[in-house]
mmCIF file of all heavy atoms, coordinates in Angstrom:
data_MODEL
# 
_entry.id   MODEL 
# 
loop_
_atom_site.group_PDB 
_atom_site.id 
_atom_site.type_symbol 
_atom_site.label_atom_id 
_atom_site.label_alt_id 
_atom_site.label_comp_id 
_atom_site.label_asym_id 
_atom_site.label_entity_id 
_atom_site.label_seq_id 
_atom_site.pdbx_PDB_ins_code 
_atom_site.Cartn_x 
_atom_site.Cartn_y 
_atom_site.Cartn_z 
_atom_site.occupancy 
_atom_site.B_iso_or_equiv 
_atom_site.pdbx_formal_charge 
_atom_site.auth_seq_id 
_atom_site.auth_comp_id 
_atom_site.auth_asym_id 
_atom_site.auth_atom_id 
_atom_site.pdbx_PDB_model_num 
ATOM 1   N N   . LEU A 1 1  ? -145.015 -160.404 55.623 1.00 0.00 ? 1  LEU A N   1 
ATOM 2   C CA  . LEU A 1 1  ? -146.401 -160.715 56.077 1.00 0.00 ? 1  LEU A CA  1 
ATOM 3   C C   . LEU A 1 1  ? -146.855 -161.986 55.455 1.00 0.00 ? 1  LEU A C   1 
ATOM 4   O O   . LEU A 1 1  ? -148.016 -162.207 55.094 1.00 0.00 ? 1  LEU A O   1 
ATOM 5   C CB  . LEU A 1 1  ? -147.372 -159.619 55.740 1.00 0.00 ? 1  LEU A CB  1 
ATOM 6   C CG  . LEU A 1 1  ? -147.051 -158.294 56.364 1.00 0.00 ? 1  LEU A CG  1 
ATOM 7   C CD1 . LEU A 1 1  ? -148.058 -157.200 55.874 1.00 0.00 ? 1  LEU A CD1 1 
ATOM 8   C CD2 . LEU A 1 1  ? -147.142 -158.359 57.932 1.00 0.00 ? 1  LEU A CD2 1 
ATOM 9   N N   . GLY A 1 2  ? -145.913 -163.075 55.333 1.00 0.00 ? 2  GLY A N   1 
ATOM 10  C CA  . GLY A 1 2  ? -146.296 -164.285 54.881 1.00 0.00 ? 2  GLY A CA  1 
ATOM 11  C C   . GLY A 1 2  ? -146.364 -164.447 53.357 1.00 0.00 ? 2  GLY A C   1 
ATOM 12  O O   . GLY A 1 2  ? -146.648 -165.469 52.817 1.00 0.00 ? 2  GLY A O   1 
ATOM 13  N N   . LEU A 1 3  ? -146.110 -163.352 52.671 1.00 0.00 ? 3  LEU A N   1 
ATOM 14  C CA  . LEU A 1 3  ? -146.061 -163.316 51.210 1.00 0.00 ? 3  LEU A CA  1 
ATOM 15  C C   . LEU A 1 3  ? -144.599 -163.336 50.626 1.00 0.00 ? 3  LEU A C   1 
ATOM 16  O O   . LEU A 1 3  ? -143.713 -162.800 51.365 1.00 0.00 ? 3  LEU A O   1 
ATOM 17  C CB  . LEU A 1 3  ? -146.846 -162.062 50.661 1.00 0.00 ? 3  LEU A CB  1 
ATOM 18  C CG  . LEU A 1 3  ? -148.316 -161.966 50.981 1.00 0.00 ? 3  LEU A CG  1 
ATOM 19  C CD1 . LEU A 1 3  ? -148.820 -160.592 50.571 1.00 0.00 ? 3  LEU A CD1 1 
ATOM 20  C CD2 . LEU A 1 3  ? -149.054 -163.106 50.266 1.00 0.00 ? 3  LEU A CD2 1 
ATOM 21  N N   . LYS A 1 4  ? -144.453 -163.856 49.460 1.00 0.00 ? 4  LYS A N   1 
ATOM 22  C CA  . LYS A 1 4  ? -143.121 -164.013 48.899 1.00 0.00 ? 4  LYS A CA  1 
ATOM 23  C C   . LYS A 1 4  ? -143.003 -163.042 47.675 1.00 0.00 ? 4  LYS A C   1 
ATOM 24  O O   . LYS A 1 4  ? -143.967 -162.896 46.889 1.00 0.00 ? 4  LYS A O   1 
ATOM 25  C CB  . LYS A 1 4  ? -142.960 -165.425 48.356 1.00 0.00 ? 4  LYS A CB  1 
ATOM 26  C CG  . LYS A 1 4  ? -141.453 -165.844 48.227 1.00 0.00 ? 4  LYS A CG  1 
ATOM 27  C CD  . LYS A 1 4  ? -141.340 -167.308 47.938 1.00 0.00 ? 4  LYS A CD  1 
ATOM 28  C CE  . LYS A 1 4  ? -139.949 -167.801 47.900 1.00 0.00 ? 4  LYS A CE  1 
ATOM 29  N NZ  . LYS A 1 4  ? -139.867 -169.216 47.660 1.00 0.00 ? 4  LYS A NZ  1 
ATOM 30  N N   . PHE A 1 5  ? -141.888 -162.343 47.571 1.00 0.00 ? 5  PHE A N   1 
ATOM 31  C CA  . PHE A 1 5  ? -141.696 -161.340 46.540 1.00 0.00 ? 5  PHE A CA  1 
ATOM 32  C C   . PHE A 1 5  ? -140.347 -161.588 45.801 1.00 0.00 ? 5  PHE A C   1 
ATOM 33  O O   . PHE A 1 5  ? -139.308 -161.730 46.424 1.00 0.00 ? 5  PHE A O   1 
ATOM 34  C CB  . PHE A 1 5  ? -141.755 -159.905 47.047 1.00 0.00 ? 5  PHE A CB  1 
ATOM 35  C CG  . PHE A 1 5  ? -143.089 -159.534 47.627 1.00 0.00 ? 5  PHE A CG  1 
ATOM 36  C CD1 . PHE A 1 5  ? -143.332 -159.745 48.987 1.00 0.00 ? 5  PHE A CD1 1 
ATOM 37  C CD2 . PHE A 1 5  ? -144.112 -159.068 46.854 1.00 0.00 ? 5  PHE A CD2 1 
ATOM 38  C CE1 . PHE A 1 5  ? -144.551 -159.457 49.500 1.00 0.00 ? 5  PHE A CE1 1 
ATOM 39  C CE2 . PHE A 1 5  ? -145.335 -158.762 47.394 1.00 0.00 ? 5  PHE A CE2 1 
ATOM 40  C CZ  . PHE A 1 5  ? -145.541 -158.919 48.734 1.00 0.00 ? 5  PHE A CZ  1 
ATOM 41  N N   . LYS A 1 6  ? -140.428 -161.646 44.492 1.00 0.00 ? 6  LYS A N   1 
ATOM 42  C CA  . LYS A 1 6  ? -139.220 -161.799 43.706 1.00 0.00 ? 6  LYS A CA  1 
ATOM 43  C C   . LYS A 1 6  ? -138.742 -160.415 43.326 1.00 0.00 ? 6  LYS A C   1 
ATOM 44  O O   . LYS A 1 6  ? -139.478 -159.530 42.798 1.00 0.00 ? 6  LYS A O   1 
ATOM 45  C CB  . LYS A 1 6  ? -139.597 -162.584 42.392 1.00 0.00 ? 6  LYS A CB  1 
ATOM 46  C CG  . LYS A 1 6  ? -138.355 -162.829 41.476 1.00 0.00 ? 6  LYS A CG  1 
ATOM 47  C CD  . LYS A 1 6  ? -138.832 -163.601 40.240 1.00 0.00 ? 6  LYS A CD  1 
ATOM 48  C CE  . LYS A 1 6  ? -137.582 -163.806 39.330 1.00 0.00 ? 6  LYS A CE  1 
ATOM 49  N NZ  . LYS A 1 6  ? -138.014 -164.576 38.087 1.00 0.00 ? 6  LYS A NZ  1 
ATOM 50  N N   . ILE A 1 7  ? -137.459 -160.087 43.620 1.00 0.00 ? 7  ILE A N   1 
ATOM 51  C CA  . ILE A 1 7  ? -136.961 -158.707 43.498 1.00 0.00 ? 7  ILE A CA  1 
ATOM 52  C C   . ILE A 1 7  ? -135.750 -158.760 42.514 1.00 0.00 ? 7  ILE A C   1 
ATOM 53  O O   . ILE A 1 7  ? -134.767 -159.540 42.741 1.00 0.00 ? 7  ILE A O   1 
ATOM 54  C CB  . ILE A 1 7  ? -136.591 -158.131 44.893 1.00 0.00 ? 7  ILE A CB  1 
ATOM 55  C CG1 . ILE A 1 7  ? -137.744 -158.030 45.737 1.00 0.00 ? 7  ILE A CG1 1 
ATOM 56  C CG2 . ILE A 1 7  ? -135.944 -156.781 44.709 1.00 0.00 ? 7  ILE A CG2 1 
ATOM 57  C CD1 . ILE A 1 7  ? -137.458 -157.685 47.200 1.00 0.00 ? 7  ILE A CD1 1 
ATOM 58  N N   . SER A 1 8  ? -135.746 -157.928 41.515 1.00 0.00 ? 8  SER A N   1 
ATOM 59  C CA  . SER A 1 8  ? -134.658 -157.786 40.565 1.00 0.00 ? 8  SER A CA  1 
ATOM 60  C C   . SER A 1 8  ? -133.907 -156.494 40.950 1.00 0.00 ? 8  SER A C   1 
ATOM 61  O O   . SER A 1 8  ? -134.344 -155.734 41.791 1.00 0.00 ? 8  SER A O   1 
ATOM 62  C CB  . SER A 1 8  ? -135.171 -157.793 39.154 1.00 0.00 ? 8  SER A CB  1 
ATOM 63  O OG  . SER A 1 8  ? -136.021 -156.640 38.928 1.00 0.00 ? 8  SER A OG  1 
ATOM 64  N N   . PRO A 1 9  ? -132.762 -156.214 40.259 1.00 0.00 ? 9  PRO A N   1 
ATOM 65  C CA  . PRO A 1 9  ? -131.992 -155.009 40.610 1.00 0.00 ? 9  PRO A CA  1 
ATOM 66  C C   . PRO A 1 9  ? -132.782 -153.720 40.550 1.00 0.00 ? 9  PRO A C   1 
ATOM 67  O O   . PRO A 1 9  ? -132.588 -152.851 41.399 1.00 0.00 ? 9  PRO A O   1 
ATOM 68  C CB  . PRO A 1 9  ? -130.804 -155.010 39.574 1.00 0.00 ? 9  PRO A CB  1 
ATOM 69  C CG  . PRO A 1 9  ? -130.782 -156.334 39.096 1.00 0.00 ? 9  PRO A CG  1 
ATOM 70  C CD  . PRO A 1 9  ? -132.158 -156.961 39.205 1.00 0.00 ? 9  PRO A CD  1 
ATOM 71  N N   . PHE A 1 10 ? -133.655 -153.578 39.651 1.00 0.00 ? 10 PHE A N   1 
ATOM 72  C CA  . PHE A 1 10 ? -134.352 -152.259 39.462 1.00 0.00 ? 10 PHE A CA  1 
ATOM 73  C C   . PHE A 1 10 ? -135.796 -152.270 39.801 1.00 0.00 ? 10 PHE A C   1 
ATOM 74  O O   . PHE A 1 10 ? -136.540 -151.276 39.634 1.00 0.00 ? 10 PHE A O   1 
ATOM 75  C CB  . PHE A 1 10 ? -134.133 -151.819 37.990 1.00 0.00 ? 10 PHE A CB  1 
ATOM 76  C CG  . PHE A 1 10 ? -132.739 -151.817 37.554 1.00 0.00 ? 10 PHE A CG  1 
ATOM 77  C CD1 . PHE A 1 10 ? -132.224 -152.787 36.712 1.00 0.00 ? 10 PHE A CD1 1 
ATOM 78  C CD2 . PHE A 1 10 ? -131.844 -150.851 38.023 1.00 0.00 ? 10 PHE A CD2 1 
ATOM 79  C CE1 . PHE A 1 10 ? -130.896 -152.749 36.367 1.00 0.00 ? 10 PHE A CE1 1 
ATOM 80  C CE2 . PHE A 1 10 ? -130.551 -150.792 37.650 1.00 0.00 ? 10 PHE A CE2 1 
ATOM 81  C CZ  . PHE A 1 10 ? -130.071 -151.784 36.793 1.00 0.00 ? 10 PHE A CZ  1 
ATOM 82  N N   . SER A 1 11 ? -136.314 -153.384 40.393 1.00 0.00 ? 11 SER A N   1 
ATOM 83  C CA  . SER A 1 11 ? -137.764 -153.414 40.735 1.00 0.00 ? 11 SER A CA  1 
ATOM 84  C C   . SER A 1 11 ? -137.980 -152.636 42.070 1.00 0.00 ? 11 SER A C   1 
ATOM 85  O O   . SER A 1 11 ? -137.168 -152.595 42.896 1.00 0.00 ? 11 SER A O   1 
ATOM 86  C CB  . SER A 1 11 ? -138.286 -154.813 40.915 1.00 0.00 ? 11 SER A CB  1 
ATOM 87  O OG  . SER A 1 11 ? -137.549 -155.496 41.894 1.00 0.00 ? 11 SER A OG  1 
ATOM 88  N N   . PHE A 1 12 ? -139.162 -151.936 42.059 1.00 0.00 ? 12 PHE A N   1 
ATOM 89  C CA  . PHE A 1 12 ? -139.495 -151.094 43.240 1.00 0.00 ? 12 PHE A CA  1 
ATOM 90  C C   . PHE A 1 12 ? -139.837 -152.027 44.356 1.00 0.00 ? 12 PHE A C   1 
ATOM 91  O O   . PHE A 1 12 ? -140.650 -152.980 44.245 1.00 0.00 ? 12 PHE A O   1 
ATOM 92  C CB  . PHE A 1 12 ? -140.609 -150.136 42.956 1.00 0.00 ? 12 PHE A CB  1 
ATOM 93  C CG  . PHE A 1 12 ? -141.101 -149.421 44.187 1.00 0.00 ? 12 PHE A CG  1 
ATOM 94  C CD1 . PHE A 1 12 ? -140.308 -148.320 44.699 1.00 0.00 ? 12 PHE A CD1 1 
ATOM 95  C CD2 . PHE A 1 12 ? -142.199 -149.836 44.933 1.00 0.00 ? 12 PHE A CD2 1 
ATOM 96  C CE1 . PHE A 1 12 ? -140.727 -147.717 45.898 1.00 0.00 ? 12 PHE A CE1 1 
ATOM 97  C CE2 . PHE A 1 12 ? -142.604 -149.246 46.109 1.00 0.00 ? 12 PHE A CE2 1 
ATOM 98  C CZ  . PHE A 1 12 ? -141.808 -148.145 46.592 1.00 0.00 ? 12 PHE A CZ  1 
ATOM 99  N N   . PHE A 1 13 ? -139.355 -151.760 45.577 1.00 0.00 ? 13 PHE A N   1 
ATOM 100 C CA  . PHE A 1 13 ? -139.663 -152.355 46.796 1.00 0.00 ? 13 PHE A CA  1 
ATOM 101 C C   . PHE A 1 13 ? -139.372 -151.463 47.901 1.00 0.00 ? 13 PHE A C   1 
ATOM 102 O O   . PHE A 1 13 ? -138.354 -150.793 47.895 1.00 0.00 ? 13 PHE A O   1 
ATOM 103 C CB  . PHE A 1 13 ? -138.924 -153.725 46.984 1.00 0.00 ? 13 PHE A CB  1 
ATOM 104 C CG  . PHE A 1 13 ? -139.519 -154.665 47.928 1.00 0.00 ? 13 PHE A CG  1 
ATOM 105 C CD1 . PHE A 1 13 ? -140.658 -155.440 47.573 1.00 0.00 ? 13 PHE A CD1 1 
ATOM 106 C CD2 . PHE A 1 13 ? -139.044 -154.836 49.116 1.00 0.00 ? 13 PHE A CD2 1 
ATOM 107 C CE1 . PHE A 1 13 ? -141.188 -156.290 48.452 1.00 0.00 ? 13 PHE A CE1 1 
ATOM 108 C CE2 . PHE A 1 13 ? -139.559 -155.750 50.086 1.00 0.00 ? 13 PHE A CE2 1 
ATOM 109 C CZ  . PHE A 1 13 ? -140.660 -156.500 49.683 1.00 0.00 ? 13 PHE A CZ  1 
ATOM 110 N N   . GLN A 1 14 ? -140.240 -151.489 48.993 1.00 0.00 ? 14 GLN A N   1 
ATOM 111 C CA  . GLN A 1 14 ? -139.919 -150.516 50.099 1.00 0.00 ? 14 GLN A CA  1 
ATOM 112 C C   . GLN A 1 14 ? -138.547 -150.812 50.632 1.00 0.00 ? 14 GLN A C   1 
ATOM 113 O O   . GLN A 1 14 ? -138.088 -151.966 50.827 1.00 0.00 ? 14 GLN A O   1 
ATOM 114 C CB  . GLN A 1 14 ? -140.936 -150.788 51.172 1.00 0.00 ? 14 GLN A CB  1 
ATOM 115 C CG  . GLN A 1 14 ? -142.395 -150.273 50.901 1.00 0.00 ? 14 GLN A CG  1 
ATOM 116 C CD  . GLN A 1 14 ? -142.495 -148.724 50.983 1.00 0.00 ? 14 GLN A CD  1 
ATOM 117 O OE1 . GLN A 1 14 ? -141.471 -148.058 51.322 1.00 0.00 ? 14 GLN A OE1 1 
ATOM 118 N NE2 . GLN A 1 14 ? -143.648 -148.220 50.801 1.00 0.00 ? 14 GLN A NE2 1 
ATOM 119 N N   . THR A 1 15 ? -137.781 -149.739 50.896 1.00 0.00 ? 15 THR A N   1 
ATOM 120 C CA  . THR A 1 15 ? -136.367 -149.843 51.276 1.00 0.00 ? 15 THR A CA  1 
ATOM 121 C C   . THR A 1 15 ? -136.107 -150.291 52.759 1.00 0.00 ? 15 THR A C   1 
ATOM 122 O O   . THR A 1 15 ? -135.067 -150.607 53.136 1.00 0.00 ? 15 THR A O   1 
ATOM 123 C CB  . THR A 1 15 ? -135.615 -148.556 51.019 1.00 0.00 ? 15 THR A CB  1 
ATOM 124 O OG1 . THR A 1 15 ? -136.301 -147.488 51.700 1.00 0.00 ? 15 THR A OG1 1 
ATOM 125 C CG2 . THR A 1 15 ? -135.505 -148.237 49.604 1.00 0.00 ? 15 THR A CG2 1 
ATOM 126 N N   . ASN A 1 16 ? -137.253 -150.378 53.487 1.00 0.00 ? 16 ASN A N   1 
ATOM 127 C CA  . ASN A 1 16 ? -137.161 -150.783 54.895 1.00 0.00 ? 16 ASN A CA  1 
ATOM 128 C C   . ASN A 1 16 ? -138.077 -151.966 55.060 1.00 0.00 ? 16 ASN A C   1 
ATOM 129 O O   . ASN A 1 16 ? -139.322 -151.764 55.213 1.00 0.00 ? 16 ASN A O   1 
ATOM 130 C CB  . ASN A 1 16 ? -137.488 -149.646 55.850 1.00 0.00 ? 16 ASN A CB  1 
ATOM 131 C CG  . ASN A 1 16 ? -137.427 -150.031 57.354 1.00 0.00 ? 16 ASN A CG  1 
ATOM 132 O OD1 . ASN A 1 16 ? -137.421 -151.163 57.665 1.00 0.00 ? 16 ASN A OD1 1 
ATOM 133 N ND2 . ASN A 1 16 ? -137.401 -149.048 58.211 1.00 0.00 ? 16 ASN A ND2 1 
ATOM 134 N N   . SER A 1 17 ? -137.635 -153.178 54.943 1.00 0.00 ? 17 SER A N   1 
ATOM 135 C CA  . SER A 1 17 ? -138.546 -154.356 54.878 1.00 0.00 ? 17 SER A CA  1 
ATOM 136 C C   . SER A 1 17 ? -139.353 -154.485 56.189 1.00 0.00 ? 17 SER A C   1 
ATOM 137 O O   . SER A 1 17 ? -140.574 -154.740 56.127 1.00 0.00 ? 17 SER A O   1 
ATOM 138 C CB  . SER A 1 17 ? -137.720 -155.633 54.634 1.00 0.00 ? 17 SER A CB  1 
ATOM 139 O OG  . SER A 1 17 ? -137.100 -155.595 53.361 1.00 0.00 ? 17 SER A OG  1 
ATOM 140 N N   . LEU A 1 18 ? -138.726 -154.397 57.327 1.00 0.00 ? 18 LEU A N   1 
ATOM 141 C CA  . LEU A 1 18 ? -139.478 -154.576 58.600 1.00 0.00 ? 18 LEU A CA  1 
ATOM 142 C C   . LEU A 1 18 ? -140.363 -153.366 58.786 1.00 0.00 ? 18 LEU A C   1 
ATOM 143 O O   . LEU A 1 18 ? -141.539 -153.537 59.373 1.00 0.00 ? 18 LEU A O   1 
ATOM 144 C CB  . LEU A 1 18 ? -138.471 -154.716 59.733 1.00 0.00 ? 18 LEU A CB  1 
ATOM 145 C CG  . LEU A 1 18 ? -137.513 -155.895 59.656 1.00 0.00 ? 18 LEU A CG  1 
ATOM 146 C CD1 . LEU A 1 18 ? -136.621 -155.979 60.921 1.00 0.00 ? 18 LEU A CD1 1 
ATOM 147 C CD2 . LEU A 1 18 ? -138.258 -157.231 59.489 1.00 0.00 ? 18 LEU A CD2 1 
ATOM 148 N N   . GLY A 1 19 ? -139.968 -152.260 58.418 1.00 0.00 ? 19 GLY A N   1 
ATOM 149 C CA  . GLY A 1 19 ? -140.821 -151.009 58.484 1.00 0.00 ? 19 GLY A CA  1 
ATOM 150 C C   . GLY A 1 19 ? -142.025 -151.180 57.536 1.00 0.00 ? 19 GLY A C   1 
ATOM 151 O O   . GLY A 1 19 ? -143.167 -150.760 57.874 1.00 0.00 ? 19 GLY A O   1 
ATOM 152 N N   . ALA A 1 20 ? -141.783 -151.796 56.385 1.00 0.00 ? 20 ALA A N   1 
ATOM 153 C CA  . ALA A 1 20 ? -142.919 -152.049 55.440 1.00 0.00 ? 20 ALA A CA  1 
ATOM 154 C C   . ALA A 1 20 ? -143.986 -152.970 56.034 1.00 0.00 ? 20 ALA A C   1 
ATOM 155 O O   . ALA A 1 20 ? -145.164 -152.785 55.776 1.00 0.00 ? 20 ALA A O   1 
ATOM 156 C CB  . ALA A 1 20 ? -142.336 -152.639 54.162 1.00 0.00 ? 20 ALA A CB  1 
ATOM 157 N N   . GLU A 1 21 ? -143.571 -153.943 56.839 1.00 0.00 ? 21 GLU A N   1 
ATOM 158 C CA  . GLU A 1 21 ? -144.499 -154.805 57.511 1.00 0.00 ? 21 GLU A CA  1 
ATOM 159 C C   . GLU A 1 21 ? -145.377 -153.997 58.419 1.00 0.00 ? 21 GLU A C   1 
ATOM 160 O O   . GLU A 1 21 ? -146.600 -154.221 58.526 1.00 0.00 ? 21 GLU A O   1 
ATOM 161 C CB  . GLU A 1 21 ? -143.794 -155.910 58.283 1.00 0.00 ? 21 GLU A CB  1 
ATOM 162 C CG  . GLU A 1 21 ? -143.187 -156.969 57.352 1.00 0.00 ? 21 GLU A CG  1 
ATOM 163 C CD  . GLU A 1 21 ? -142.713 -158.195 58.069 1.00 0.00 ? 21 GLU A CD  1 
ATOM 164 O OE1 . GLU A 1 21 ? -142.303 -158.191 59.228 1.00 0.00 ? 21 GLU A OE1 1 
ATOM 165 O OE2 . GLU A 1 21 ? -142.893 -159.325 57.496 1.00 0.00 ? 21 GLU A OE2 1 
ATOM 166 N N   . VAL A 1 22 ? -144.768 -153.077 59.143 1.00 0.00 ? 22 VAL A N   1 
ATOM 167 C CA  . VAL A 1 22 ? -145.587 -152.141 60.009 1.00 0.00 ? 22 VAL A CA  1 
ATOM 168 C C   . VAL A 1 22 ? -146.569 -151.387 59.258 1.00 0.00 ? 22 VAL A C   1 
ATOM 169 O O   . VAL A 1 22 ? -147.748 -151.254 59.579 1.00 0.00 ? 22 VAL A O   1 
ATOM 170 C CB  . VAL A 1 22 ? -144.652 -151.269 60.915 1.00 0.00 ? 22 VAL A CB  1 
ATOM 171 C CG1 . VAL A 1 22 ? -145.509 -150.326 61.757 1.00 0.00 ? 22 VAL A CG1 1 
ATOM 172 C CG2 . VAL A 1 22 ? -143.711 -152.159 61.745 1.00 0.00 ? 22 VAL A CG2 1 
ATOM 173 N N   . LEU A 1 23 ? -146.081 -150.761 58.121 1.00 0.00 ? 23 LEU A N   1 
ATOM 174 C CA  . LEU A 1 23 ? -146.870 -149.936 57.257 1.00 0.00 ? 23 LEU A CA  1 
ATOM 175 C C   . LEU A 1 23 ? -148.090 -150.732 56.712 1.00 0.00 ? 23 LEU A C   1 
ATOM 176 O O   . LEU A 1 23 ? -149.238 -150.248 56.749 1.00 0.00 ? 23 LEU A O   1 
ATOM 177 C CB  . LEU A 1 23 ? -145.997 -149.429 56.055 1.00 0.00 ? 23 LEU A CB  1 
ATOM 178 C CG  . LEU A 1 23 ? -146.775 -148.515 55.051 1.00 0.00 ? 23 LEU A CG  1 
ATOM 179 C CD1 . LEU A 1 23 ? -146.965 -147.153 55.624 1.00 0.00 ? 23 LEU A CD1 1 
ATOM 180 C CD2 . LEU A 1 23 ? -145.880 -148.426 53.806 1.00 0.00 ? 23 LEU A CD2 1 
ATOM 181 N N   . TYR A 1 24 ? -147.775 -151.911 56.171 1.00 0.00 ? 24 TYR A N   1 
ATOM 182 C CA  . TYR A 1 24 ? -148.855 -152.692 55.555 1.00 0.00 ? 24 TYR A CA  1 
ATOM 183 C C   . TYR A 1 24 ? -149.808 -153.307 56.532 1.00 0.00 ? 24 TYR A C   1 
ATOM 184 O O   . TYR A 1 24 ? -151.027 -153.420 56.269 1.00 0.00 ? 24 TYR A O   1 
ATOM 185 C CB  . TYR A 1 24 ? -148.331 -153.752 54.594 1.00 0.00 ? 24 TYR A CB  1 
ATOM 186 C CG  . TYR A 1 24 ? -147.530 -153.158 53.439 1.00 0.00 ? 24 TYR A CG  1 
ATOM 187 C CD1 . TYR A 1 24 ? -146.315 -153.679 53.071 1.00 0.00 ? 24 TYR A CD1 1 
ATOM 188 C CD2 . TYR A 1 24 ? -147.965 -151.970 52.802 1.00 0.00 ? 24 TYR A CD2 1 
ATOM 189 C CE1 . TYR A 1 24 ? -145.592 -153.083 51.951 1.00 0.00 ? 24 TYR A CE1 1 
ATOM 190 C CE2 . TYR A 1 24 ? -147.270 -151.441 51.730 1.00 0.00 ? 24 TYR A CE2 1 
ATOM 191 C CZ  . TYR A 1 24 ? -146.033 -151.972 51.350 1.00 0.00 ? 24 TYR A CZ  1 
ATOM 192 O OH  . TYR A 1 24 ? -145.379 -151.428 50.277 1.00 0.00 ? 24 TYR A OH  1 
ATOM 193 N N   . GLU A 1 25 ? -149.262 -153.684 57.729 1.00 0.00 ? 25 GLU A N   1 
ATOM 194 C CA  . GLU A 1 25 ? -150.179 -154.212 58.812 1.00 0.00 ? 25 GLU A CA  1 
ATOM 195 C C   . GLU A 1 25 ? -151.180 -153.115 59.276 1.00 0.00 ? 25 GLU A C   1 
ATOM 196 O O   . GLU A 1 25 ? -152.341 -153.303 59.415 1.00 0.00 ? 25 GLU A O   1 
ATOM 197 C CB  . GLU A 1 25 ? -149.353 -154.729 59.966 1.00 0.00 ? 25 GLU A CB  1 
ATOM 198 C CG  . GLU A 1 25 ? -148.828 -156.119 59.785 1.00 0.00 ? 25 GLU A CG  1 
ATOM 199 C CD  . GLU A 1 25 ? -148.053 -156.601 60.960 1.00 0.00 ? 25 GLU A CD  1 
ATOM 200 O OE1 . GLU A 1 25 ? -147.445 -155.778 61.654 1.00 0.00 ? 25 GLU A OE1 1 
ATOM 201 O OE2 . GLU A 1 25 ? -148.019 -157.828 61.169 1.00 0.00 ? 25 GLU A OE2 1 
ATOM 202 N N   . THR A 1 26 ? -150.555 -151.884 59.385 1.00 0.00 ? 26 THR A N   1 
ATOM 203 C CA  . THR A 1 26 ? -151.400 -150.761 59.869 1.00 0.00 ? 26 THR A CA  1 
ATOM 204 C C   . THR A 1 26 ? -152.423 -150.442 58.754 1.00 0.00 ? 26 THR A C   1 
ATOM 205 O O   . THR A 1 26 ? -153.665 -150.171 59.031 1.00 0.00 ? 26 THR A O   1 
ATOM 206 C CB  . THR A 1 26 ? -150.504 -149.509 60.079 1.00 0.00 ? 26 THR A CB  1 
ATOM 207 O OG1 . THR A 1 26 ? -149.497 -149.842 61.050 1.00 0.00 ? 26 THR A OG1 1 
ATOM 208 C CG2 . THR A 1 26 ? -151.352 -148.361 60.623 1.00 0.00 ? 26 THR A CG2 1 
ATOM 209 N N   . ALA A 1 27 ? -152.043 -150.446 57.503 1.00 0.00 ? 27 ALA A N   1 
ATOM 210 C CA  . ALA A 1 27 ? -152.908 -150.152 56.373 1.00 0.00 ? 27 ALA A CA  1 
ATOM 211 C C   . ALA A 1 27 ? -154.034 -151.201 56.360 1.00 0.00 ? 27 ALA A C   1 
ATOM 212 O O   . ALA A 1 27 ? -155.244 -150.857 56.154 1.00 0.00 ? 27 ALA A O   1 
ATOM 213 C CB  . ALA A 1 27 ? -152.164 -150.216 55.050 1.00 0.00 ? 27 ALA A CB  1 
# 
């Protein structure tokens, strides 16, 4: 959604990136 995220091996991030966009847009 136009935001940048730095991800390391163990950092939490939604496992479905495109699905996360739907989730957060809906939210």
